Amino acid sequence: MIARPHLFTALALAGALVLLSACRTPAPDGGADEPEWVSLAGRRARAGQFISAVGSAPAGHPDPVTAADRDARQELATLVSEYVSDRLHEFFAAEGSSMAGAGADPFRRTLASEVAAATLRMTERKETWREPDGPTHVLYQVPADELDALIERHARALLTHHNPFEVAAGEVTAALGPFLAEPQAPPRPTDRPDPADEMPRAGPPAEDAAPAWLESPPVDRFPPD
């Protein structure tokens, strides 16, 4: 039986198109109601007990989910680095002069970078949402207690190779673990506040207060001749 080259070529081309389309993750069509997490886009703020990172891709992008996912992961790495840096800043301040050496800042930067990289390796996309005929959004969320566990684990490994502090490495990790287990301090003023929270709000008028027009001076509407 003689094979038909043009038939094999068409089948091969069709198979390639199927594989290409399978490599792209479709975004679920958005409904009328926008998810609350979409409003976190562009805001570097920690919400509750989670660190949330949102990435977006514009409408018309050839692969919006991949682009939004990449954007969200970059944001997540930044947020985790800031979180680790803030936690270590609080820890060093609580421990005092024994943690205030010249090696504190390099140690903090290195640890923040390692924890951010580990978080990206272990964290998967949580949600995806596409606006009707609009951008595609992707959400990543990481519990703060998981990050605290990563901080302690990577700090212990880092101190094994290099200890920049005046006290022994064992003393540092022995103090770091209980500190991370304590309730967190309020976020440092690096987070972007909600503009609505900064607007002055007038209190309710006093019940016995006289109207403002009663306190205004009289006006002579008819000047003397």
C-alpha atoms as a PDB file:
ATOM      1  CA  MET A   1       0.000   0.000   0.000  1.00  0.00           C
ATOM      2  CA  ILE A   2       1.389   3.374  -0.999  1.00  0.00           C
ATOM      3  CA  ALA A   3       1.341   5.995   1.768  1.00  0.00           C
ATOM      4  CA  ARG A   4      -0.087   9.417   1.077  1.00  0.00           C
ATOM      5  CA  PRO A   5       2.520  12.022   2.076  1.00  0.00           C
ATOM      6  CA  HIS A   6       0.044  14.884   2.177  1.00  0.00           C
ATOM      7  CA  LEU A   7      -2.214  12.973   4.588  1.00  0.00           C
ATOM      8  CA  PHE A   8       0.675  12.280   7.003  1.00  0.00           C
ATOM      9  CA  THR A   9       1.740  15.903   6.799  1.00  0.00           C
ATOM     10  CA  ALA A  10      -1.748  17.104   7.711  1.00  0.00           C
ATOM     11  CA  LEU A  11      -1.979  14.698  10.632  1.00  0.00           C
ATOM     12  CA  ALA A  12       1.425  15.770  11.936  1.00  0.00           C
ATOM     13  CA  LEU A  13       0.467  19.436  11.674  1.00  0.00           C
ATOM     14  CA  ALA A  14      -2.804  18.806  13.524  1.00  0.00           C
ATOM     15  CA  GLY A  15      -0.962  16.977  16.299  1.00  0.00           C
ATOM     16  CA  ALA A  16       1.495  19.825  16.684  1.00  0.00           C
ATOM     17  CA  LEU A  17      -1.330  22.338  17.020  1.00  0.00           C
ATOM     18  CA  VAL A  18      -2.974  20.215  19.714  1.00  0.00           C
ATOM     19  CA  LEU A  19       0.279  20.019  21.691  1.00  0.00           C
ATOM     20  CA  LEU A  20       0.830  23.762  21.340  1.00  0.00           C
ATOM     21  CA  SER A  21      -2.652  24.586  22.610  1.00  0.00           C
ATOM     22  CA  ALA A  22      -2.230  22.183  25.526  1.00  0.00           C
ATOM     23  CA  CYS A  23       0.883  24.029  26.707  1.00  0.00           C
ATOM     24  CA  ARG A  24      -1.184  27.143  27.388  1.00  0.00           C
ATOM     25  CA  THR A  25      -3.381  27.203  30.451  1.00  0.00           C
ATOM     26  CA  PRO A  26      -6.772  28.753  29.711  1.00  0.00           C
ATOM     27  CA  ALA A  27      -8.070  31.304  32.162  1.00  0.00           C
ATOM     28  CA  PRO A  28     -11.552  30.795  33.579  1.00  0.00           C
ATOM     29  CA  ASP A  29     -13.997  33.320  32.239  1.00  0.00           C
ATOM     30  CA  GLY A  30     -14.827  36.031  34.722  1.00  0.00           C
ATOM     31  CA  GLY A  31     -18.279  36.463  36.116  1.00  0.00           C
ATOM     32  CA  ALA A  32     -20.099  39.624  36.931  1.00  0.00           C
ATOM     33  CA  ASP A  33     -18.658  39.809  40.437  1.00  0.00           C
ATOM     34  CA  GLU A  34     -14.960  40.543  40.777  1.00  0.00           C
ATOM     35  CA  PRO A  35     -13.187  38.444  43.458  1.00  0.00           C
ATOM     36  CA  GLU A  36     -12.036  40.437  46.465  1.00  0.00           C
ATOM     37  CA  TRP A  37      -8.415  39.361  46.012  1.00  0.00           C
ATOM     38  CA  VAL A  38      -8.163  41.177  42.663  1.00  0.00           C
ATOM     39  CA  SER A  39      -8.144  44.495  44.551  1.00  0.00           C
ATOM     40  CA  LEU A  40      -4.777  43.507  46.074  1.00  0.00           C
ATOM     41  CA  ALA A  41      -3.074  44.036  42.708  1.00  0.00           C
ATOM     42  CA  GLY A  42      -0.343  46.645  42.997  1.00  0.00           C
ATOM     43  CA  ARG A  43      -0.637  46.919  46.796  1.00  0.00           C
ATOM     44  CA  ARG A  44       2.330  45.720  48.814  1.00  0.00           C
ATOM     45  CA  ALA A  45       0.388  45.032  51.967  1.00  0.00           C
ATOM     46  CA  ARG A  46       0.095  42.017  54.187  1.00  0.00           C
ATOM     47  CA  ALA A  47      -3.490  40.983  54.789  1.00  0.00           C
ATOM     48  CA  GLY A  48      -4.256  39.064  57.963  1.00  0.00           C
ATOM     49  CA  GLN A  49      -2.254  35.895  58.372  1.00  0.00           C
ATOM     50  CA  PHE A  50      -1.445  35.545  54.681  1.00  0.00           C
ATOM     51  CA  ILE A  51       0.901  37.241  52.282  1.00  0.00           C
ATOM     52  CA  SER A  52      -0.988  37.750  49.020  1.00  0.00           C
ATOM     53  CA  ALA A  53       0.546  38.502  45.644  1.00  0.00           C
ATOM     54  CA  VAL A  54      -1.505  39.298  42.539  1.00  0.00           C
ATOM     55  CA  GLY A  55      -0.225  39.344  38.980  1.00  0.00           C
ATOM     56  CA  SER A  56      -2.064  40.622  35.929  1.00  0.00           C
ATOM     57  CA  ALA A  57      -1.829  40.432  32.155  1.00  0.00           C
ATOM     58  CA  PRO A  58      -3.631  42.769  29.750  1.00  0.00           C
ATOM     59  CA  ALA A  59      -6.453  41.710  27.488  1.00  0.00           C
ATOM     60  CA  GLY A  60      -5.251  40.452  24.145  1.00  0.00           C
ATOM     61  CA  HIS A  61      -2.058  38.901  25.476  1.00  0.00           C
ATOM     62  CA  PRO A  62      -1.247  35.687  23.571  1.00  0.00           C
ATOM     63  CA  ASP A  63      -0.716  33.737  26.825  1.00  0.00           C
ATOM     64  CA  PRO A  64      -2.306  35.791  29.625  1.00  0.00           C
ATOM     65  CA  VAL A  65      -2.178  33.143  32.358  1.00  0.00           C
ATOM     66  CA  THR A  66       1.553  32.562  31.960  1.00  0.00           C
ATOM     67  CA  ALA A  67       2.221  36.312  31.903  1.00  0.00           C
ATOM     68  CA  ALA A  68       0.029  36.992  34.942  1.00  0.00           C
ATOM     69  CA  ASP A  69       1.582  34.046  36.756  1.00  0.00           C
ATOM     70  CA  ARG A  70       5.074  35.380  36.130  1.00  0.00           C
ATOM     71  CA  ASP A  71       4.022  38.828  37.363  1.00  0.00           C
ATOM     72  CA  ALA A  72       2.484  37.351  40.534  1.00  0.00           C
ATOM     73  CA  ARG A  73       5.575  35.283  41.326  1.00  0.00           C
ATOM     74  CA  GLN A  74       7.807  38.323  41.003  1.00  0.00           C
ATOM     75  CA  GLU A  75       5.503  40.195  43.362  1.00  0.00           C
ATOM     76  CA  LEU A  76       5.489  37.256  45.761  1.00  0.00           C
ATOM     77  CA  ALA A  77       9.287  37.171  45.865  1.00  0.00           C
ATOM     78  CA  THR A  78       9.360  40.881  46.699  1.00  0.00           C
ATOM     79  CA  LEU A  79       6.723  40.570  49.426  1.00  0.00           C
ATOM     80  CA  VAL A  80       8.405  37.573  51.036  1.00  0.00           C
ATOM     81  CA  SER A  81      11.789  39.336  51.032  1.00  0.00           C
ATOM     82  CA  GLU A  82      10.206  42.351  52.728  1.00  0.00           C
ATOM     83  CA  TYR A  83       8.481  40.115  55.265  1.00  0.00           C
ATOM     84  CA  VAL A  84      11.700  38.276  56.182  1.00  0.00           C
ATOM     85  CA  SER A  85      13.618  41.536  56.419  1.00  0.00           C
ATOM     86  CA  ASP A  86      10.968  43.031  58.713  1.00  0.00           C
ATOM     87  CA  ARG A  87      10.890  39.972  60.984  1.00  0.00           C
ATOM     88  CA  LEU A  88      14.665  39.945  61.348  1.00  0.00           C
ATOM     89  CA  HIS A  89      14.691  43.689  61.963  1.00  0.00           C
ATOM     90  CA  GLU A  90      12.261  43.134  64.849  1.00  0.00           C
ATOM     91  CA  PHE A  91      14.322  40.214  66.130  1.00  0.00           C
ATOM     92  CA  PHE A  92      17.599  42.135  66.087  1.00  0.00           C
ATOM     93  CA  ALA A  93      15.976  45.078  67.857  1.00  0.00           C
ATOM     94  CA  ALA A  94      14.594  42.780  70.551  1.00  0.00           C
ATOM     95  CA  GLU A  95      17.959  41.082  71.140  1.00  0.00           C
ATOM     96  CA  GLY A  96      19.913  44.326  71.415  1.00  0.00           C
ATOM     97  CA  SER A  97      23.642  44.908  70.923  1.00  0.00           C
ATOM     98  CA  SER A  98      24.562  41.249  70.442  1.00  0.00           C
ATOM     99  CA  MET A  99      22.769  41.304  67.070  1.00  0.00           C
ATOM    100  CA  ALA A 100      23.798  44.793  66.000  1.00  0.00           C
ATOM    101  CA  GLY A 101      27.132  43.974  64.413  1.00  0.00           C
ATOM    102  CA  ALA A 102      28.286  44.840  60.915  1.00  0.00           C
ATOM    103  CA  GLY A 103      27.203  41.436  59.656  1.00  0.00           C
ATOM    104  CA  ALA A 104      23.540  41.841  60.583  1.00  0.00           C
ATOM    105  CA  ASP A 105      22.460  43.514  57.338  1.00  0.00           C
ATOM    106  CA  PRO A 106      24.266  41.078  54.987  1.00  0.00           C
ATOM    107  CA  PHE A 107      22.834  38.182  56.985  1.00  0.00           C
ATOM    108  CA  ARG A 108      19.344  39.632  56.708  1.00  0.00           C
ATOM    109  CA  ARG A 109      19.629  40.177  52.940  1.00  0.00           C
ATOM    110  CA  THR A 110      20.981  36.684  52.333  1.00  0.00           C
ATOM    111  CA  LEU A 111      18.312  35.041  54.444  1.00  0.00           C
ATOM    112  CA  ALA A 112      15.549  37.052  52.775  1.00  0.00           C
ATOM    113  CA  SER A 113      16.787  35.974  49.354  1.00  0.00           C
ATOM    114  CA  GLU A 114      16.982  32.298  50.333  1.00  0.00           C
ATOM    115  CA  VAL A 115      13.520  32.236  51.920  1.00  0.00           C
ATOM    116  CA  ALA A 116      12.001  33.998  48.892  1.00  0.00           C
ATOM    117  CA  ALA A 117      13.563  31.449  46.529  1.00  0.00           C
ATOM    118  CA  ALA A 118      12.359  28.536  48.683  1.00  0.00           C
ATOM    119  CA  THR A 119       8.847  30.013  48.808  1.00  0.00           C
ATOM    120  CA  LEU A 120       8.663  30.249  45.022  1.00  0.00           C
ATOM    121  CA  ARG A 121       9.709  26.615  44.701  1.00  0.00           C
ATOM    122  CA  MET A 122       7.039  25.323  47.079  1.00  0.00           C
ATOM    123  CA  THR A 123       4.101  27.645  46.314  1.00  0.00           C
ATOM    124  CA  GLU A 124       1.524  27.007  43.613  1.00  0.00           C
ATOM    125  CA  ARG A 125      -0.979  29.342  42.049  1.00  0.00           C
ATOM    126  CA  LYS A 126      -4.129  29.626  44.171  1.00  0.00           C
ATOM    127  CA  GLU A 127      -6.678  31.273  41.889  1.00  0.00           C
ATOM    128  CA  THR A 128      -7.058  32.644  38.369  1.00  0.00           C
ATOM    129  CA  TRP A 129      -9.738  35.036  37.139  1.00  0.00           C
ATOM    130  CA  ARG A 130     -10.273  36.800  33.845  1.00  0.00           C
ATOM    131  CA  GLU A 131     -12.386  39.895  33.520  1.00  0.00           C
ATOM    132  CA  PRO A 132     -14.990  39.729  30.748  1.00  0.00           C
ATOM    133  CA  ASP A 133     -13.102  40.981  27.695  1.00  0.00           C
ATOM    134  CA  GLY A 134     -10.425  42.315  30.050  1.00  0.00           C
ATOM    135  CA  PRO A 135      -7.213  41.516  31.928  1.00  0.00           C
ATOM    136  CA  THR A 136      -6.369  38.181  33.511  1.00  0.00           C
ATOM    137  CA  HIS A 137      -5.411  38.043  37.199  1.00  0.00           C
ATOM    138  CA  VAL A 138      -3.566  35.393  39.210  1.00  0.00           C
ATOM    139  CA  LEU A 139      -3.383  35.024  42.990  1.00  0.00           C
ATOM    140  CA  TYR A 140      -0.651  33.499  45.160  1.00  0.00           C
ATOM    141  CA  GLN A 141      -1.039  33.241  48.942  1.00  0.00           C
ATOM    142  CA  VAL A 142       1.391  32.041  51.599  1.00  0.00           C
ATOM    143  CA  PRO A 143       0.572  31.642  55.313  1.00  0.00           C
ATOM    144  CA  ALA A 144       2.822  33.733  57.530  1.00  0.00           C
ATOM    145  CA  ASP A 145       3.534  30.826  59.865  1.00  0.00           C
ATOM    146  CA  GLU A 146       4.989  28.832  56.955  1.00  0.00           C
ATOM    147  CA  LEU A 147       7.337  31.717  56.216  1.00  0.00           C
ATOM    148  CA  ASP A 148       8.366  31.865  59.882  1.00  0.00           C
ATOM    149  CA  ALA A 149       9.231  28.162  59.741  1.00  0.00           C
ATOM    150  CA  LEU A 150      11.319  28.769  56.616  1.00  0.00           C
ATOM    151  CA  ILE A 151      13.094  31.674  58.307  1.00  0.00           C
ATOM    152  CA  GLU A 152      14.102  29.509  61.251  1.00  0.00           C
ATOM    153  CA  ARG A 153      15.195  26.585  59.073  1.00  0.00           C
ATOM    154  CA  HIS A 154      17.290  28.640  56.655  1.00  0.00           C
ATOM    155  CA  ALA A 155      18.757  30.762  59.455  1.00  0.00           C
ATOM    156  CA  ARG A 156      19.968  27.609  61.177  1.00  0.00           C
ATOM    157  CA  ALA A 157      21.606  26.359  57.956  1.00  0.00           C
ATOM    158  CA  LEU A 158      23.116  29.755  57.176  1.00  0.00           C
ATOM    159  CA  LEU A 159      24.601  30.153  60.647  1.00  0.00           C
ATOM    160  CA  THR A 160      26.223  26.737  60.332  1.00  0.00           C
ATOM    161  CA  HIS A 161      28.418  28.064  57.535  1.00  0.00           C
ATOM    162  CA  HIS A 162      28.875  31.632  58.718  1.00  0.00           C
ATOM    163  CA  ASN A 163      27.988  33.346  61.990  1.00  0.00           C
ATOM    164  CA  PRO A 164      28.426  37.152  61.846  1.00  0.00           C
ATOM    165  CA  PHE A 165      27.215  37.753  65.404  1.00  0.00           C
ATOM    166  CA  GLU A 166      29.025  38.056  68.714  1.00  0.00           C
ATOM    167  CA  VAL A 167      27.122  35.143  70.272  1.00  0.00           C
ATOM    168  CA  ALA A 168      27.234  31.481  69.279  1.00  0.00           C
ATOM    169  CA  ALA A 169      25.037  30.246  66.431  1.00  0.00           C
ATOM    170  CA  GLY A 170      23.125  27.995  68.805  1.00  0.00           C
ATOM    171  CA  GLU A 171      22.172  30.956  70.956  1.00  0.00           C
ATOM    172  CA  VAL A 172      20.882  32.846  67.921  1.00  0.00           C
ATOM    173  CA  THR A 173      18.637  30.033  66.733  1.00  0.00           C
ATOM    174  CA  ALA A 174      17.512  29.280  70.301  1.00  0.00           C
ATOM    175  CA  ALA A 175      16.255  32.861  70.603  1.00  0.00           C
ATOM    176  CA  LEU A 176      14.912  33.116  67.046  1.00  0.00           C
ATOM    177  CA  GLY A 177      12.498  30.188  67.314  1.00  0.00           C
ATOM    178  CA  PRO A 178      10.499  31.480  70.315  1.00  0.00           C
ATOM    179  CA  PHE A 179      10.525  34.990  68.850  1.00  0.00           C
ATOM    180  CA  LEU A 180       8.946  33.824  65.590  1.00  0.00           C
ATOM    181  CA  ALA A 181       6.304  31.899  67.557  1.00  0.00           C
ATOM    182  CA  GLU A 182       5.120  35.067  69.297  1.00  0.00           C
ATOM    183  CA  PRO A 183       2.316  37.234  67.847  1.00  0.00           C
ATOM    184  CA  GLN A 184       3.602  39.564  65.182  1.00  0.00           C
ATOM    185  CA  ALA A 185       4.090  43.243  65.735  1.00  0.00           C
ATOM    186  CA  PRO A 186       2.051  45.658  63.603  1.00  0.00           C
ATOM    187  CA  PRO A 187       3.469  46.036  60.059  1.00  0.00           C
ATOM    188  CA  ARG A 188       6.166  48.635  59.599  1.00  0.00           C
ATOM    189  CA  PRO A 189       5.088  51.773  57.696  1.00  0.00           C
ATOM    190  CA  THR A 190       6.312  50.400  54.358  1.00  0.00           C
ATOM    191  CA  ASP A 191       2.872  49.083  53.438  1.00  0.00           C
ATOM    192  CA  ARG A 192       0.669  51.288  51.351  1.00  0.00           C
ATOM    193  CA  PRO A 193      -2.291  52.544  53.394  1.00  0.00           C
ATOM    194  CA  ASP A 194      -5.767  52.541  52.020  1.00  0.00           C
ATOM    195  CA  PRO A 195      -6.562  56.147  50.956  1.00  0.00           C
ATOM    196  CA  ALA A 196     -10.012  55.763  52.494  1.00  0.00           C
ATOM    197  CA  ASP A 197      -8.412  55.199  55.899  1.00  0.00           C
ATOM    198  CA  GLU A 198      -6.566  58.533  55.673  1.00  0.00           C
ATOM    199  CA  MET A 199      -9.642  60.659  54.980  1.00  0.00           C
ATOM    200  CA  PRO A 200     -10.719  62.711  58.001  1.00  0.00           C
ATOM    201  CA  ARG A 201     -14.062  61.711  59.366  1.00  0.00           C
ATOM    202  CA  ALA A 202     -16.301  64.242  61.135  1.00  0.00           C
ATOM    203  CA  GLY A 203     -17.727  63.042  64.402  1.00  0.00           C
ATOM    204  CA  PRO A 204     -21.445  63.164  65.177  1.00  0.00           C
ATOM    205  CA  PRO A 205     -22.728  66.590  66.245  1.00  0.00           C
ATOM    206  CA  ALA A 206     -23.326  67.131  69.939  1.00  0.00           C
ATOM    207  CA  GLU A 207     -26.987  66.986  70.902  1.00  0.00           C
ATOM    208  CA  ASP A 208     -26.892  70.248  72.884  1.00  0.00           C
ATOM    209  CA  ALA A 209     -24.714  72.143  70.437  1.00  0.00           C
ATOM    210  CA  ALA A 210     -26.287  75.264  68.994  1.00  0.00           C
ATOM    211  CA  PRO A 211     -26.519  75.603  65.198  1.00  0.00           C
ATOM    212  CA  ALA A 212     -23.645  77.462  63.615  1.00  0.00           C
ATOM    213  CA  TRP A 213     -25.910  80.185  62.265  1.00  0.00           C
ATOM    214  CA  LEU A 214     -26.902  81.191  65.813  1.00  0.00           C
ATOM    215  CA  GLU A 215     -23.291  81.996  66.649  1.00  0.00           C
ATOM    216  CA  SER A 216     -22.661  84.170  63.574  1.00  0.00           C
ATOM    217  CA  PRO A 217     -22.645  87.962  64.115  1.00  0.00           C
ATOM    218  CA  PRO A 218     -25.715  89.907  62.944  1.00  0.00           C
ATOM    219  CA  VAL A 219     -25.555  91.455  59.511  1.00  0.00           C
ATOM    220  CA  ASP A 220     -27.086  94.873  58.845  1.00  0.00           C
ATOM    221  CA  ARG A 221     -28.794  94.354  55.504  1.00  0.00           C
ATOM    222  CA  PHE A 222     -30.218  97.910  55.399  1.00  0.00           C
ATOM    223  CA  PRO A 223     -27.509 100.547  55.943  1.00  0.00           C
ATOM    224  CA  PRO A 224     -28.639 103.869  57.404  1.00  0.00           C
ATOM    225  CA  ASP A 225     -29.604 106.682  55.043  1.00  0.00           C
END
